[in-house]
C-alpha atoms as a PDB file:
ATOM      1  CA  MET A   1       0.000   0.000   0.000  1.00  0.00           C
ATOM      2  CA  ILE A   2       2.796   2.427   0.807  1.00  0.00           C
ATOM      3  CA  TYR A   3       4.347   1.870  -2.624  1.00  0.00           C
ATOM      4  CA  VAL A   4       1.071   2.765  -4.355  1.00  0.00           C
ATOM      5  CA  GLU A   5       0.866   6.040  -2.406  1.00  0.00           C
ATOM      6  CA  GLU A   6       4.507   6.859  -3.228  1.00  0.00           C
ATOM      7  CA  ASP A   7       3.897   6.081  -6.909  1.00  0.00           C
ATOM      8  CA  GLN A   8       0.824   8.344  -6.941  1.00  0.00           C
ATOM      9  CA  ALA A   9       2.771  11.097  -5.221  1.00  0.00           C
ATOM     10  CA  SER A  10       5.661  10.885  -7.684  1.00  0.00           C
ATOM     11  CA  ILE A  11       3.262  10.859 -10.658  1.00  0.00           C
ATOM     12  CA  THR A  12       1.459  13.907  -9.272  1.00  0.00           C
ATOM     13  CA  GLU A  13       4.757  15.681  -8.626  1.00  0.00           C
ATOM     14  CA  GLY A  14       5.911  14.900 -12.155  1.00  0.00           C
ATOM     15  CA  ALA A  15       2.677  16.244 -13.617  1.00  0.00           C
ATOM     16  CA  ILE A  16       2.963  19.456 -11.582  1.00  0.00           C
ATOM     17  CA  ASN A  17       6.557  19.961 -12.720  1.00  0.00           C
ATOM     18  CA  PHE A  18       5.543  19.366 -16.344  1.00  0.00           C
ATOM     19  CA  VAL A  19       2.736  21.940 -16.125  1.00  0.00           C
ATOM     20  CA  LYS A  20       5.142  24.479 -14.588  1.00  0.00           C
ATOM     21  CA  GLU A  21       7.637  23.891 -17.393  1.00  0.00           C
ATOM     22  CA  LEU A  22       4.859  24.464 -19.930  1.00  0.00           C
ATOM     23  CA  GLU A  23       3.886  27.661 -18.103  1.00  0.00           C
ATOM     24  CA  GLN A  24       7.482  28.896 -18.335  1.00  0.00           C
ATOM     25  CA  GLN A  25       7.605  28.120 -22.062  1.00  0.00           C
ATOM     26  CA  LEU A  26       4.302  29.936 -22.556  1.00  0.00           C
ATOM     27  CA  GLN A  27       5.631  33.001 -20.728  1.00  0.00           C
ATOM     28  CA  THR A  28       8.748  33.085 -22.872  1.00  0.00           C
ATOM     29  CA  LEU A  29       6.810  32.653 -26.119  1.00  0.00           C
ATOM     30  CA  GLU A  30       4.290  35.366 -25.157  1.00  0.00           C
ATOM     31  CA  VAL A  31       7.083  37.869 -24.559  1.00  0.00           C
ATOM     32  CA  GLN A  32       8.811  36.929 -27.804  1.00  0.00           C
ATOM     33  CA  LYS A  33       5.507  37.295 -29.678  1.00  0.00           C
ATOM     34  CA  ARG A  34       4.906  40.718 -28.132  1.00  0.00           C
ATOM     35  CA  ALA A  35       8.406  41.866 -29.022  1.00  0.00           C
ATOM     36  CA  MET A  36       7.967  40.767 -32.650  1.00  0.00           C
ATOM     37  CA  ASN A  37       4.512  42.336 -33.013  1.00  0.00           C
ATOM     38  CA  GLN A  38       5.327  45.598 -31.260  1.00  0.00           C
ATOM     39  CA  LYS A  39       5.279  48.537 -33.641  1.00  0.00           C
ATOM     40  CA  PRO A  40       7.594  51.480 -33.010  1.00  0.00           C
ATOM     41  CA  ASN A  41       5.869  54.178 -30.966  1.00  0.00           C
ATOM     42  CA  ILE A  42       6.612  57.294 -33.010  1.00  0.00           C
ATOM     43  CA  ASN A  43       4.239  59.707 -31.252  1.00  0.00           C
ATOM     44  CA  ASN A  44       5.012  58.438 -27.724  1.00  0.00           C
ATOM     45  CA  GLU A  45       1.239  58.396 -27.097  1.00  0.00           C
ATOM     46  CA  THR A  46       1.183  55.357 -24.844  1.00  0.00           C
ATOM     47  CA  PRO A  47       4.037  53.465 -23.255  1.00  0.00           C
ATOM     48  CA  PRO A  48       4.680  49.971 -24.553  1.00  0.00           C
ATOM     49  CA  PRO A  49       3.012  47.236 -22.499  1.00  0.00           C
ATOM     50  CA  LEU A  50       5.062  45.800 -19.665  1.00  0.00           C
ATOM     51  CA  PRO A  51       6.454  42.366 -20.559  1.00  0.00           C
ATOM     52  CA  PHE A  52       4.626  39.716 -18.548  1.00  0.00           C
ATOM     53  CA  GLY A  53       1.980  42.271 -17.590  1.00  0.00           C
ATOM     54  CA  ASP A  54      -0.764  39.804 -18.505  1.00  0.00           C
ATOM     55  CA  PHE A  55       0.565  37.313 -15.955  1.00  0.00           C
ATOM     56  CA  PHE A  56      -0.511  39.498 -13.027  1.00  0.00           C
ATOM     57  CA  THR A  57      -4.194  39.392 -12.127  1.00  0.00           C
ATOM     58  CA  PHE A  58      -4.398  41.141  -8.737  1.00  0.00           C
ATOM     59  CA  PRO A  59      -0.884  42.143  -7.666  1.00  0.00           C
ATOM     60  CA  GLN A  60      -0.404  43.264  -4.084  1.00  0.00           C
ATOM     61  CA  TYR A  61       2.347  45.607  -5.323  1.00  0.00           C
ATOM     62  CA  SER A  62       2.495  47.257  -8.723  1.00  0.00           C
ATOM     63  CA  THR A  63       4.843  49.772 -10.269  1.00  0.00           C
ATOM     64  CA  GLN A  64       2.197  50.463 -12.934  1.00  0.00           C
ATOM     65  CA  SER A  65      -0.952  52.443 -12.133  1.00  0.00           C
ATOM     66  CA  THR A  66      -2.554  52.524 -15.553  1.00  0.00           C
ATOM     67  CA  ASN A  67      -5.981  51.142 -14.720  1.00  0.00           C
ATOM     68  CA  GLU A  68      -8.718  51.767 -12.204  1.00  0.00           C
ATOM     69  CA  LEU A  69      -7.979  48.554 -10.294  1.00  0.00           C
ATOM     70  CA  ALA A  70      -4.380  49.586  -9.733  1.00  0.00           C
ATOM     71  CA  CYS A  71      -5.512  53.041  -8.557  1.00  0.00           C
ATOM     72  CA  ARG A  72      -7.923  51.484  -6.054  1.00  0.00           C
ATOM     73  CA  SER A  73      -5.184  49.145  -4.844  1.00  0.00           C
ATOM     74  CA  ALA A  74      -2.837  52.102  -4.364  1.00  0.00           C
ATOM     75  CA  ILE A  75      -5.431  53.939  -2.280  1.00  0.00           C
ATOM     76  CA  MET A  76      -6.105  50.884  -0.118  1.00  0.00           C
ATOM     77  CA  ALA A  77      -2.388  50.314   0.330  1.00  0.00           C
ATOM     78  CA  SER A  78      -1.455  53.944   0.943  1.00  0.00           C
ATOM     79  CA  ASN A  79       0.284  52.996   4.181  1.00  0.00           C
ATOM     80  CA  ARG A  80       2.581  50.600   2.314  1.00  0.00           C
ATOM     81  CA  PRO A  81       6.051  51.499   1.102  1.00  0.00           C
ATOM     82  CA  PRO A  82       6.467  52.111  -2.632  1.00  0.00           C
ATOM     83  CA  ALA A  83       6.453  49.051  -4.871  1.00  0.00           C
ATOM     84  CA  MET A  84       9.902  47.732  -5.710  1.00  0.00           C
ATOM     85  CA  ALA A  85       8.436  45.346  -8.317  1.00  0.00           C
ATOM     86  CA  GLU A  86       5.251  43.793  -9.577  1.00  0.00           C
ATOM     87  CA  ILE A  87       4.437  41.298  -6.817  1.00  0.00           C
ATOM     88  CA  GLU A  88       1.504  38.909  -6.724  1.00  0.00           C
ATOM     89  CA  VAL A  89       1.006  36.250  -4.063  1.00  0.00           C
ATOM     90  CA  THR A  90      -1.677  33.568  -3.934  1.00  0.00           C
ATOM     91  CA  MET A  91      -2.067  30.955  -1.221  1.00  0.00           C
ATOM     92  CA  VAL A  92      -3.633  27.569  -0.627  1.00  0.00           C
ATOM     93  CA  GLU A  93      -3.250  26.315   2.932  1.00  0.00           C
ATOM     94  CA  ASN A  94       0.481  26.447   3.777  1.00  0.00           C
ATOM     95  CA  ASN A  95       1.678  26.824   0.169  1.00  0.00           C
ATOM     96  CA  ALA A  96       2.055  30.097  -1.700  1.00  0.00           C
ATOM     97  CA  ASN A  97       2.735  31.027  -5.300  1.00  0.00           C
ATOM     98  CA  LEU A  98       4.695  34.206  -5.957  1.00  0.00           C
ATOM     99  CA  LYS A  99       5.141  36.147  -9.170  1.00  0.00           C
ATOM    100  CA  ILE A 100       7.750  38.864  -9.037  1.00  0.00           C
ATOM    101  CA  LEU A 101       8.663  41.090 -11.975  1.00  0.00           C
ATOM    102  CA  SER A 102      11.577  43.397 -11.261  1.00  0.00           C
ATOM    103  CA  LYS A 103      14.628  45.026 -12.731  1.00  0.00           C
ATOM    104  CA  LYS A 104      17.701  42.832 -12.850  1.00  0.00           C
ATOM    105  CA  ARG A 105      20.101  43.403  -9.987  1.00  0.00           C
ATOM    106  CA  HIS A 106      23.510  41.930  -9.286  1.00  0.00           C
ATOM    107  CA  ARG A 107      23.151  38.705  -7.237  1.00  0.00           C
ATOM    108  CA  GLN A 108      19.412  39.358  -6.804  1.00  0.00           C
ATOM    109  CA  LEU A 109      18.329  35.745  -7.137  1.00  0.00           C
ATOM    110  CA  LEU A 110      20.866  34.560  -4.568  1.00  0.00           C
ATOM    111  CA  LYS A 111      19.777  37.255  -2.117  1.00  0.00           C
ATOM    112  CA  MET A 112      16.093  36.476  -2.686  1.00  0.00           C
ATOM    113  CA  VAL A 113      16.566  32.757  -2.056  1.00  0.00           C
ATOM    114  CA  ALA A 114      18.490  33.484   1.152  1.00  0.00           C
ATOM    115  CA  GLY A 115      15.878  36.045   2.212  1.00  0.00           C
ATOM    116  CA  LEU A 116      12.985  33.653   1.629  1.00  0.00           C
ATOM    117  CA  GLN A 117      14.750  30.992   3.680  1.00  0.00           C
ATOM    118  CA  CYS A 118      15.176  33.500   6.528  1.00  0.00           C
ATOM    119  CA  LEU A 119      11.400  34.071   6.389  1.00  0.00           C
ATOM    120  CA  TRP A 120      10.835  30.315   6.839  1.00  0.00           C
ATOM    121  CA  LEU A 121       9.633  29.925   3.251  1.00  0.00           C
ATOM    122  CA  THR A 122      10.954  26.783   1.577  1.00  0.00           C
ATOM    123  CA  ILE A 123      11.211  27.040  -2.198  1.00  0.00           C
ATOM    124  CA  LEU A 124       9.512  24.095  -3.886  1.00  0.00           C
ATOM    125  CA  TYR A 125       9.708  25.449  -7.431  1.00  0.00           C
ATOM    126  CA  LEU A 126      11.514  28.371  -9.026  1.00  0.00           C
ATOM    127  CA  ASN A 127      11.382  29.621 -12.594  1.00  0.00           C
ATOM    128  CA  VAL A 128      13.355  32.593 -13.908  1.00  0.00           C
ATOM    129  CA  THR A 129      12.581  34.307 -17.211  1.00  0.00           C
ATOM    130  CA  THR A 130      14.477  37.396 -18.390  1.00  0.00           C
ATOM    131  CA  VAL A 131      13.723  40.002 -21.029  1.00  0.00           C
ATOM    132  CA  ASP A 132      16.103  42.893 -21.554  1.00  0.00           C
ATOM    133  CA  GLN A 133      16.670  44.390 -18.084  1.00  0.00           C
ATOM    134  CA  LEU A 134      13.611  42.723 -16.510  1.00  0.00           C
ATOM    135  CA  VAL A 135      13.348  39.397 -14.751  1.00  0.00           C
ATOM    136  CA  LEU A 136      10.219  37.408 -13.879  1.00  0.00           C
ATOM    137  CA  TYR A 137      10.456  35.026 -10.950  1.00  0.00           C
ATOM    138  CA  SER A 138       7.708  32.430 -10.525  1.00  0.00           C
ATOM    139  CA  LEU A 139       7.991  30.598  -7.226  1.00  0.00           C
ATOM    140  CA  SER A 140       6.072  28.017  -5.272  1.00  0.00           C
ATOM    141  CA  VAL A 141       6.936  28.074  -1.595  1.00  0.00           C
ATOM    142  CA  LYS A 142       5.903  26.195   1.511  1.00  0.00           C
ATOM    143  CA  LEU A 143       5.320  28.103   4.741  1.00  0.00           C
ATOM    144  CA  GLU A 144       7.279  26.219   7.388  1.00  0.00           C
ATOM    145  CA  ASP A 145       6.171  25.847  11.015  1.00  0.00           C
ATOM    146  CA  GLY A 146       8.267  28.823  12.202  1.00  0.00           C
ATOM    147  CA  CYS A 147       6.938  31.178   9.517  1.00  0.00           C
ATOM    148  CA  GLN A 148       5.349  34.345  10.930  1.00  0.00           C
ATOM    149  CA  LEU A 149       3.699  35.247   7.595  1.00  0.00           C
ATOM    150  CA  SER A 150       0.098  34.079   7.428  1.00  0.00           C
ATOM    151  CA  THR A 151      -1.545  36.036   4.588  1.00  0.00           C
ATOM    152  CA  VAL A 152      -0.785  36.940   0.992  1.00  0.00           C
ATOM    153  CA  ASP A 153      -0.335  40.562   2.063  1.00  0.00           C
ATOM    154  CA  ASP A 154       2.183  39.553   4.761  1.00  0.00           C
ATOM    155  CA  ILE A 155       4.227  37.646   2.191  1.00  0.00           C
ATOM    156  CA  ALA A 156       3.973  40.419  -0.436  1.00  0.00           C
ATOM    157  CA  ASP A 157       5.042  43.028   2.154  1.00  0.00           C
ATOM    158  CA  ALA A 158       8.035  40.914   3.203  1.00  0.00           C
ATOM    159  CA  VAL A 159       9.099  40.322  -0.418  1.00  0.00           C
ATOM    160  CA  ASN A 160       8.726  44.020  -1.290  1.00  0.00           C
ATOM    161  CA  CYS A 161      10.817  44.951   1.761  1.00  0.00           C
ATOM    162  CA  MET A 162      13.446  42.363   0.805  1.00  0.00           C
ATOM    163  CA  LEU A 163      13.604  43.753  -2.757  1.00  0.00           C
ATOM    164  CA  GLY A 164      13.974  47.247  -1.303  1.00  0.00           C
ATOM    165  CA  ARG A 165      17.031  46.137   0.672  1.00  0.00           C
ATOM    166  CA  ILE A 166      18.486  44.422  -2.415  1.00  0.00           C
ATOM    167  CA  ASN A 167      17.915  47.621  -4.403  1.00  0.00           C
ATOM    168  CA  GLU A 168      19.592  49.755  -1.716  1.00  0.00           C
ATOM    169  CA  GLU A 169      22.612  47.426  -1.672  1.00  0.00           C
ATOM    170  CA  ALA A 170      22.870  47.681  -5.456  1.00  0.00           C
ATOM    171  CA  VAL A 171      22.945  51.477  -5.474  1.00  0.00           C
ATOM    172  CA  GLN A 172      25.197  51.999  -2.443  1.00  0.00           C
ATOM    173  CA  PRO A 173      28.765  52.725  -3.396  1.00  0.00           C
ATOM    174  CA  LYS A 174      31.232  50.056  -2.408  1.00  0.00           C
ATOM    175  CA  LEU A 175      33.473  51.176   0.427  1.00  0.00           C
ATOM    176  CA  ASP A 176      37.120  50.266   0.260  1.00  0.00           C
ATOM    177  CA  SER A 177      38.488  48.703   3.414  1.00  0.00           C
END
């Protein structure tokens, strides 16, 4: 009986990994398609769409405020610090999915992984897709027993704060010892 359960678990895990790989391929192809179909903006009437913008449904943090939903979110979150990136968190029980679209920074991925571990978030899946100077991180994490974050807003706040520290480190001049 135990072997049957292990086989079912490994099949399910394999299927989940396959779907996530397909999602990553879809993201990459969508961005490539957009780049090929984008016409030059001669009159500078509207800014070009943000790559991966369609992958965010209800972000907790957004650097774009082009629609009414984003404006309402900004009003509701007026006590929050400014958005360091597009950040969207969804949760089911003690698992969370994060989408983070930010500017590339030196050693950003390494610092994010270490920061998430310090928050008692174990990374189950990580996908990185880059376009020009932007990077999209798609993560699945498990909230461990010691994790103090219990809501999507708690996680989004912690990630935004972490990205703020990474950004500050990137712009601080290096001091010679």
